[in-house]
Protein backbone atom coordinates (compact mmCIF):
# COMPACT_ATOMS: atom_id res chain seq x y z
CA UNK A 1 75.92 -20.04 -6.70
CA UNK A 2 72.10 -19.19 -5.97
CA UNK A 3 70.64 -20.68 -3.74
CA UNK A 4 67.38 -23.07 -4.56
CA UNK A 5 63.89 -21.33 -3.80
CA UNK A 6 62.19 -23.94 -2.08
CA UNK A 7 59.29 -23.97 -4.73
CA UNK A 8 61.84 -24.81 -7.48
CA UNK A 9 62.98 -28.52 -5.74
CA UNK A 10 60.62 -31.45 -7.65
CA UNK A 11 60.16 -32.31 -3.90
CA UNK A 12 58.42 -29.95 -2.32
CA UNK A 13 54.85 -30.65 -0.91
CA UNK A 14 52.21 -29.91 -3.30
CA UNK A 15 53.86 -29.96 -5.65
CA UNK A 16 51.51 -32.92 -8.00
CA UNK A 17 48.20 -31.42 -6.17
CA UNK A 18 49.38 -27.96 -7.54
CA UNK A 19 51.20 -29.42 -11.45
CA UNK A 20 47.10 -30.50 -11.72
CA UNK A 21 45.12 -27.39 -10.70
CA UNK A 22 47.12 -25.39 -13.36
CA UNK A 23 45.99 -28.30 -15.97
CA UNK A 24 41.86 -27.88 -15.50
CA UNK A 25 42.18 -24.45 -18.43
CA UNK A 26 44.41 -27.35 -20.82
CA UNK A 27 41.63 -30.30 -19.79
CA UNK A 28 38.74 -27.91 -19.55
CA UNK A 29 39.89 -26.56 -24.13
CA UNK A 30 40.82 -30.40 -24.70
CA UNK A 31 36.64 -31.29 -23.26
CA UNK A 32 35.12 -28.45 -25.78
CA UNK A 33 37.64 -29.47 -28.74
CA UNK A 34 38.21 -33.29 -28.57
CA UNK A 35 34.82 -34.32 -25.92
CA UNK A 36 32.31 -32.58 -26.78
CA UNK A 37 31.21 -34.70 -30.21
CA UNK A 38 31.21 -37.87 -28.30
CA UNK A 39 29.60 -36.27 -24.83
CA UNK A 40 26.54 -35.09 -27.95
CA UNK A 41 26.15 -38.41 -29.71
CA UNK A 42 26.11 -40.50 -25.61
CA UNK A 43 22.89 -37.82 -24.68
CA UNK A 44 21.39 -38.02 -28.42
CA UNK A 45 20.97 -42.21 -27.60
CA UNK A 46 20.53 -41.32 -23.84
CA UNK A 47 17.45 -38.24 -24.73
CA UNK A 48 16.05 -40.97 -27.48
CA UNK A 49 15.10 -43.88 -24.84
CA UNK A 50 12.87 -41.36 -23.05
CA UNK A 51 13.92 -41.84 -19.47
CA UNK A 52 11.75 -41.12 -16.69
CA UNK A 53 13.86 -40.91 -14.07
CA UNK A 54 16.92 -40.13 -13.04
CA UNK A 55 19.76 -41.31 -10.00
CA UNK A 56 23.05 -41.03 -9.68
CA UNK A 57 25.38 -43.26 -8.27
CA UNK A 58 28.89 -41.33 -6.96
CA UNK A 59 30.92 -41.18 -4.29
CA UNK A 60 33.08 -38.62 -2.40
CA UNK A 61 34.37 -35.76 -4.79
CA UNK A 62 32.17 -37.51 -8.13
CA UNK A 63 29.39 -37.30 -5.83
CA UNK A 64 29.73 -33.81 -5.59
CA UNK A 65 30.09 -33.42 -9.72
CA UNK A 66 26.26 -35.98 -9.07
CA UNK A 67 24.86 -33.48 -7.21
CA UNK A 68 25.90 -30.27 -9.57
CA UNK A 69 24.10 -32.90 -12.22
CA UNK A 70 21.28 -33.13 -10.60
CA UNK A 71 20.45 -29.92 -10.50
CA UNK A 72 20.82 -29.22 -14.08
CA UNK A 73 18.57 -32.61 -15.05
CA UNK A 74 15.80 -31.51 -12.34
CA UNK A 75 15.92 -27.07 -13.45
CA UNK A 76 16.66 -27.53 -17.44
CA UNK A 77 14.91 -30.56 -18.78
CA UNK A 78 12.22 -31.25 -15.44
CA UNK A 79 13.61 -35.17 -14.39
CA UNK A 80 13.35 -35.99 -11.37
CA UNK A 81 16.46 -36.95 -9.95
CA UNK A 82 18.05 -38.88 -6.54
CA UNK A 83 21.49 -39.91 -5.05
CA UNK A 84 21.86 -44.13 -5.22
CA UNK A 85 22.15 -45.27 -1.63
CA UNK A 86 24.32 -48.10 -2.87
CA UNK A 87 24.21 -50.59 0.09
CA UNK A 88 20.38 -51.23 -0.86
CA UNK A 89 21.85 -53.07 -3.20
CA UNK A 90 25.28 -54.17 -2.49
CA UNK A 91 24.66 -54.89 1.43
CA UNK A 92 21.06 -55.59 1.66
CA UNK A 93 19.89 -57.36 -1.89
CA UNK A 94 17.47 -55.20 -2.85
CA UNK A 95 16.17 -55.56 -6.23
CA UNK A 96 14.19 -51.96 -7.43
CA UNK A 97 12.54 -52.09 -10.77
CA UNK A 98 14.53 -49.31 -12.78
CA UNK A 99 12.70 -50.28 -16.64
CA UNK A 100 12.53 -46.61 -17.40
CA UNK A 101 15.66 -45.07 -15.34
CA UNK A 102 18.58 -43.95 -16.85
CA UNK A 103 20.99 -44.28 -13.64
CA UNK A 104 24.57 -42.16 -14.38
CA UNK A 105 27.85 -43.10 -12.35
CA UNK A 106 30.47 -40.88 -11.72
CA UNK A 107 33.56 -42.13 -10.56
CA UNK A 108 37.38 -40.78 -11.63
CA UNK A 109 39.09 -44.17 -11.23
CA UNK A 110 35.74 -46.61 -12.37
CA UNK A 111 37.60 -48.72 -9.96
CA UNK A 112 34.87 -48.99 -6.83
CA UNK A 113 33.88 -52.28 -6.06
CA UNK A 114 30.52 -50.45 -5.08
CA UNK A 115 29.42 -48.77 -7.55
CA UNK A 116 30.96 -50.98 -9.93
CA UNK A 117 28.29 -53.73 -8.14
CA UNK A 118 25.49 -50.89 -7.54
CA UNK A 119 25.67 -50.07 -11.85
CA UNK A 120 25.65 -53.93 -12.85
CA UNK A 121 22.57 -54.51 -10.43
CA UNK A 122 20.73 -51.89 -12.24
CA UNK A 123 21.53 -52.94 -15.55
CA UNK A 124 20.01 -56.11 -14.49
CA UNK A 125 17.06 -54.42 -12.88
CA UNK A 126 16.18 -52.55 -16.69
CA UNK A 127 18.16 -49.73 -16.20
CA UNK A 128 20.03 -47.27 -19.28
CA UNK A 129 23.43 -47.30 -17.40
CA UNK A 130 25.79 -44.63 -18.43
CA UNK A 131 29.14 -44.33 -16.15
CA UNK A 132 30.96 -40.46 -16.59
CA UNK A 133 34.82 -41.97 -15.33
CA UNK A 134 38.65 -41.00 -16.21
CA UNK A 135 39.23 -43.83 -17.51
CA UNK A 136 37.84 -45.74 -20.25
CA UNK A 137 39.59 -49.54 -19.75
CA UNK A 138 37.49 -49.39 -15.62
CA UNK A 139 35.81 -52.12 -14.62
CA UNK A 140 32.39 -49.39 -14.11
CA UNK A 141 32.83 -48.09 -17.80
CA UNK A 142 32.90 -52.24 -19.47
CA UNK A 143 29.41 -53.04 -16.93
CA UNK A 144 27.97 -49.61 -18.74
CA UNK A 145 26.13 -49.38 -22.18
CA UNK A 146 27.26 -46.25 -22.93
CA UNK A 147 30.56 -44.32 -21.17
CA UNK A 148 31.23 -40.69 -20.91
CA UNK A 149 35.35 -39.94 -21.04
CA UNK A 150 36.16 -36.32 -19.32
CA UNK A 151 39.73 -36.73 -20.54
CA UNK A 152 41.62 -35.29 -17.72
CA UNK A 153 44.53 -37.15 -18.12
CA UNK A 154 46.40 -38.92 -15.33
CA UNK A 155 45.71 -37.28 -11.57
CA UNK A 156 47.96 -38.51 -9.33
CA UNK A 157 47.50 -36.25 -5.97
CA UNK A 158 45.43 -37.85 -3.60
CA UNK A 159 42.91 -34.90 -3.97
CA UNK A 160 40.86 -34.40 -7.09
CA UNK A 161 41.09 -31.22 -8.70
CA UNK A 162 41.19 -32.11 -13.10
CA UNK A 163 39.02 -34.98 -13.17
CA UNK A 164 36.59 -32.43 -10.41
CA UNK A 165 35.98 -29.88 -12.66
CA UNK A 166 36.51 -32.35 -16.11
CA UNK A 167 33.11 -34.64 -14.57
CA UNK A 168 31.10 -30.99 -14.19
CA UNK A 169 32.12 -29.79 -17.65
CA UNK A 170 31.42 -33.04 -19.73
CA UNK A 171 27.92 -33.83 -17.03
CA UNK A 172 26.78 -30.09 -18.16
CA UNK A 173 27.72 -31.20 -22.46
CA UNK A 174 25.81 -34.76 -21.75
CA UNK A 175 22.84 -32.94 -20.12
CA UNK A 176 23.15 -30.09 -22.51
CA UNK A 177 22.80 -32.34 -25.25
CA UNK A 178 19.63 -34.15 -24.55
CA UNK A 179 17.63 -30.74 -24.71
CA UNK A 180 14.75 -30.50 -27.22
CA UNK A 181 16.73 -28.66 -29.12
CA UNK A 182 20.15 -30.21 -29.14
CA UNK A 183 19.62 -32.19 -32.67
CA UNK A 184 19.40 -28.92 -34.20
CA UNK A 185 22.17 -27.46 -33.72
CA UNK A 186 24.72 -30.67 -32.87
CA UNK A 187 25.18 -30.05 -29.71
CA UNK A 188 27.27 -26.15 -30.59
CA UNK A 189 25.00 -24.83 -28.04
CA UNK A 190 26.21 -26.15 -24.79
CA UNK A 191 29.53 -25.91 -26.22
CA UNK A 192 29.77 -21.90 -27.24
CA UNK A 193 28.18 -21.30 -23.13
CA UNK A 194 31.30 -22.88 -22.60
CA UNK A 195 33.54 -21.66 -24.52
CA UNK A 196 34.93 -18.87 -22.36
CA UNK A 197 36.01 -20.59 -19.39
CA UNK A 198 39.31 -22.10 -20.60
CA UNK A 199 40.12 -18.33 -20.75
CA UNK A 200 38.70 -17.19 -17.25
CA UNK A 201 40.09 -20.49 -15.43
CA UNK A 202 43.55 -19.92 -16.11
CA UNK A 203 43.03 -16.32 -14.88
CA UNK A 204 41.92 -17.27 -11.67
CA UNK A 205 44.87 -19.77 -11.37
CA UNK A 206 46.63 -17.02 -11.89
CA UNK A 207 45.71 -15.22 -8.38
CA UNK A 208 47.50 -17.44 -6.61
CA UNK A 209 48.59 -14.79 -4.12
CA UNK A 210 45.36 -13.64 -3.71
CA UNK A 211 44.29 -16.88 -2.23
CA UNK A 212 47.04 -17.25 -0.30
CA UNK A 213 46.47 -14.07 1.71
CA UNK A 214 43.21 -15.05 2.12
CA UNK A 215 44.69 -18.44 3.79
CA UNK A 216 46.67 -16.78 6.41
CA UNK A 217 43.04 -16.15 8.05
CA UNK A 218 42.41 -20.53 8.59
CA UNK A 219 46.47 -21.38 9.82
CA UNK A 220 45.05 -21.90 12.99
CA UNK A 221 41.23 -22.60 12.22
CA UNK A 222 39.44 -25.34 14.33
CA UNK A 223 36.29 -25.12 12.12
CA UNK A 224 34.60 -23.38 8.48
CA UNK A 225 31.94 -23.72 7.94
CA UNK A 226 31.18 -23.13 4.05
CA UNK A 227 27.72 -22.03 2.58
CA UNK A 228 26.11 -21.82 -0.25
CA UNK A 229 22.46 -22.43 -2.51
CA UNK A 230 21.03 -23.75 -6.09
CA UNK A 231 24.48 -24.48 -8.28
CA UNK A 232 27.03 -23.34 -6.12
CA UNK A 233 25.65 -26.17 -3.29
CA UNK A 234 27.86 -28.69 -4.56
CA UNK A 235 30.85 -26.36 -4.75
CA UNK A 236 30.55 -25.82 -0.72
CA UNK A 237 30.93 -29.57 -0.27
CA UNK A 238 33.01 -30.23 -2.25
CA UNK A 239 35.52 -27.28 -0.84
CA UNK A 240 34.85 -28.55 2.82
CA UNK A 241 35.91 -32.16 1.71
CA UNK A 242 39.38 -30.05 0.44
CA UNK A 243 39.72 -29.05 2.91
CA UNK A 244 39.14 -31.90 5.41
CA UNK A 245 41.22 -34.22 3.21
CA UNK A 246 43.88 -32.38 2.64
CA UNK A 247 44.62 -29.64 5.77
CA UNK A 248 42.27 -32.09 8.00
CA UNK A 249 40.15 -29.13 9.31
CA UNK A 250 36.60 -29.86 9.71
CA UNK A 251 34.72 -28.12 7.37
CA UNK A 252 31.25 -28.20 7.65
CA UNK A 253 28.43 -27.70 4.34
CA UNK A 254 25.10 -26.83 4.37
CA UNK A 255 22.89 -25.29 2.32
CA UNK A 256 22.13 -21.90 3.58
CA UNK A 257 18.18 -22.95 4.09
CA UNK A 258 19.13 -25.77 6.00
CA UNK A 259 21.72 -23.48 7.86
CA UNK A 260 19.13 -21.08 9.02
CA UNK A 261 17.07 -25.03 10.04
CA UNK A 262 19.54 -24.40 13.32
CA UNK A 263 23.35 -25.01 13.12
CA UNK A 264 22.97 -21.09 11.61
CA UNK A 265 23.50 -21.23 16.27
CA UNK A 266 26.92 -22.44 16.18
CA UNK A 267 28.03 -19.66 14.54
CA UNK A 268 29.44 -16.76 15.58
CA UNK A 269 32.13 -13.74 15.81
CA UNK A 270 34.93 -15.82 15.76
CA UNK A 271 33.91 -18.11 13.13
CA UNK A 272 34.90 -18.50 9.76
CA UNK A 273 32.35 -19.19 7.20
CA UNK A 274 32.64 -19.05 3.00
CA UNK A 275 30.04 -18.20 1.19
CA UNK A 276 29.26 -19.44 -2.05
CA UNK A 277 27.81 -16.66 -4.05
CA UNK A 278 26.39 -17.78 -7.36
CA UNK A 279 25.92 -14.63 -9.91
CA UNK A 280 22.47 -15.97 -10.35
CA UNK A 281 18.80 -16.98 -9.02
CA UNK A 282 21.11 -19.23 -6.34
CA UNK A 283 23.19 -16.26 -5.28
CA UNK A 284 19.21 -14.32 -4.54
CA UNK A 285 18.30 -17.14 -2.52
CA UNK A 286 21.40 -16.82 -0.51
CA UNK A 287 21.30 -12.82 0.43
CA UNK A 288 18.93 -14.03 3.45
CA UNK A 289 21.75 -16.04 4.99
CA UNK A 290 24.23 -13.40 4.24
CA UNK A 291 22.65 -10.65 5.60
CA UNK A 292 22.12 -13.46 9.02
CA UNK A 293 25.82 -14.03 8.77
CA UNK A 294 26.72 -10.79 8.87
CA UNK A 295 24.56 -9.30 11.72
CA UNK A 296 25.83 -12.30 13.75
CA UNK A 297 29.62 -10.68 13.49
CA UNK A 298 30.67 -13.91 11.15
CA UNK A 299 33.87 -14.06 9.89
CA UNK A 300 32.83 -14.08 6.19
CA UNK A 301 34.49 -14.77 3.15
CA UNK A 302 32.57 -14.42 -0.42
CA UNK A 303 33.54 -15.87 -3.01
CA UNK A 304 31.58 -14.24 -6.32
CA UNK A 305 30.26 -11.41 -7.29
CA UNK A 306 32.43 -8.02 -6.90
CA UNK A 307 29.15 -6.55 -5.06
CA UNK A 308 29.14 -9.48 -2.76
CA UNK A 309 32.78 -9.47 -2.12
CA UNK A 310 32.86 -6.04 -1.25
CA UNK A 311 30.12 -6.01 1.69
CA UNK A 312 32.05 -9.12 3.27
CA UNK A 313 34.78 -9.03 5.55
CA UNK A 314 36.97 -10.03 2.96
CA UNK A 315 36.78 -12.39 0.06
CA UNK A 316 37.28 -13.48 -4.07
CA UNK A 317 35.90 -12.14 -6.83
CA UNK A 318 35.00 -14.38 -9.30
CA UNK A 319 35.37 -13.38 -13.42
CA UNK A 320 31.08 -14.23 -14.05
CA UNK A 321 30.27 -11.72 -16.73
CA UNK A 322 28.78 -13.44 -19.26
CA UNK A 323 28.71 -17.13 -17.75
CA UNK A 324 25.34 -18.94 -17.14
CA UNK A 325 24.40 -18.88 -13.90
CA UNK A 326 24.41 -23.32 -14.27
CA UNK A 327 28.76 -23.48 -15.71
CA UNK A 328 29.66 -20.78 -13.00
CA UNK A 329 30.42 -23.54 -10.43
CA UNK A 330 33.25 -24.49 -12.96
CA UNK A 331 35.27 -21.08 -11.82
CA UNK A 332 33.62 -21.43 -8.54
CA UNK A 333 35.68 -24.90 -7.47
CA UNK A 334 39.26 -23.25 -8.97
CA UNK A 335 40.36 -20.20 -5.43
CA UNK A 336 38.90 -22.92 -3.37
CA UNK A 337 40.61 -25.75 -4.26
CA UNK A 338 43.86 -23.65 -4.54
CA UNK A 339 42.80 -21.96 -0.48
CA UNK A 340 42.90 -26.21 0.63
CA UNK A 341 46.25 -25.76 -1.55
CA UNK A 342 47.39 -23.26 0.24
CA UNK A 343 45.94 -23.39 3.71
CA UNK A 344 47.60 -27.03 4.28
CA UNK A 345 51.36 -26.02 2.76
CA UNK A 346 50.74 -23.11 6.24
CA UNK A 347 50.09 -25.64 8.58
CA UNK A 348 53.03 -27.82 7.21
CA UNK A 349 51.65 -31.03 5.99
CA UNK A 350 51.43 -31.42 2.31
CA UNK A 351 48.27 -31.74 -0.08
CA UNK A 352 49.98 -34.73 -2.33
CA UNK A 353 50.15 -36.68 1.00
CA UNK A 354 47.22 -37.04 3.34
CA UNK A 355 46.82 -39.32 5.81
CA UNK A 356 44.58 -42.40 5.77
CA UNK A 357 43.74 -41.99 1.80
CA UNK A 358 44.63 -43.73 -1.11
CA UNK A 359 43.64 -42.58 -4.65
CA UNK A 360 41.10 -45.51 -5.31
CA UNK A 361 38.78 -46.12 -2.38
CA UNK A 362 37.76 -49.93 -2.45
CA UNK A 363 34.22 -49.52 -1.14
CA UNK A 364 31.70 -52.01 -1.48
């Protein structure tokens, strides 16, 4: 009788997270084929209201997606953005004046009480409210004027993977649809720019063996530093969160600029550092940081273009040719999700069941 390999057993650690990571190319394709028209219609209605300022409300992984949206909105549309401090309304009872303010609340479940309460308060204070969730029947969707369904399908693993990349693509299409040229092309330009993503995502996810070899560097790591700039910075923050919640390694994420303002002092020749290098202006801005890290002898791994990976200790080459810089974060996070998974397995833990975590975090 043939021996069953552990990877073939349904109860193997991490099988749910692994399965959901593998679904991401199909989810991205579904958004482009089925979700884009609804996103464009919401974008058209929101743009017609001419908001003067945007507030982004989120927690955890969704907070990193919201930070990505902040970069998009400020760079592509010139709209000033801020990240909401929910406790100002939920704990302190403040009632800011939100006329002409767009409040975008990003949440996978749409069920956290503070997100719902903060969004409700913003709408009562005059804000235009938009929820971006994976649950159109959620309390958050119900209290918001508009809603975008990211169409990721049920996500059971505690570490969010497919809902993160689905949120990024949905937010990209939203911002593209709010642009001045969007009405003329029906939002088609944003879709076409993203059309290559599902295929590229599939190619990245097929390279799990490469990531497994990288993961061996971090099996006994006591801490890690992850850095980037520009559009890559939300990726650094999300990668750090994934590593902490699955493998329990303290992973510190820094903008490259912030890293130079003090934290660089903790980096030495045994410090593991991962740099997320976008192919574009963000990567160019990160170059002085990479030079400083190499000068300190850091154990530097790069996720990015081939030239940057060749100059590092090791890395993962991303297929970024022809991919706009603002869409690269959807690809950048994929090998880092795999890395969190592989490091956790190597350390003898189950990435499907991080201790002390629940799928819906009910903060108040």
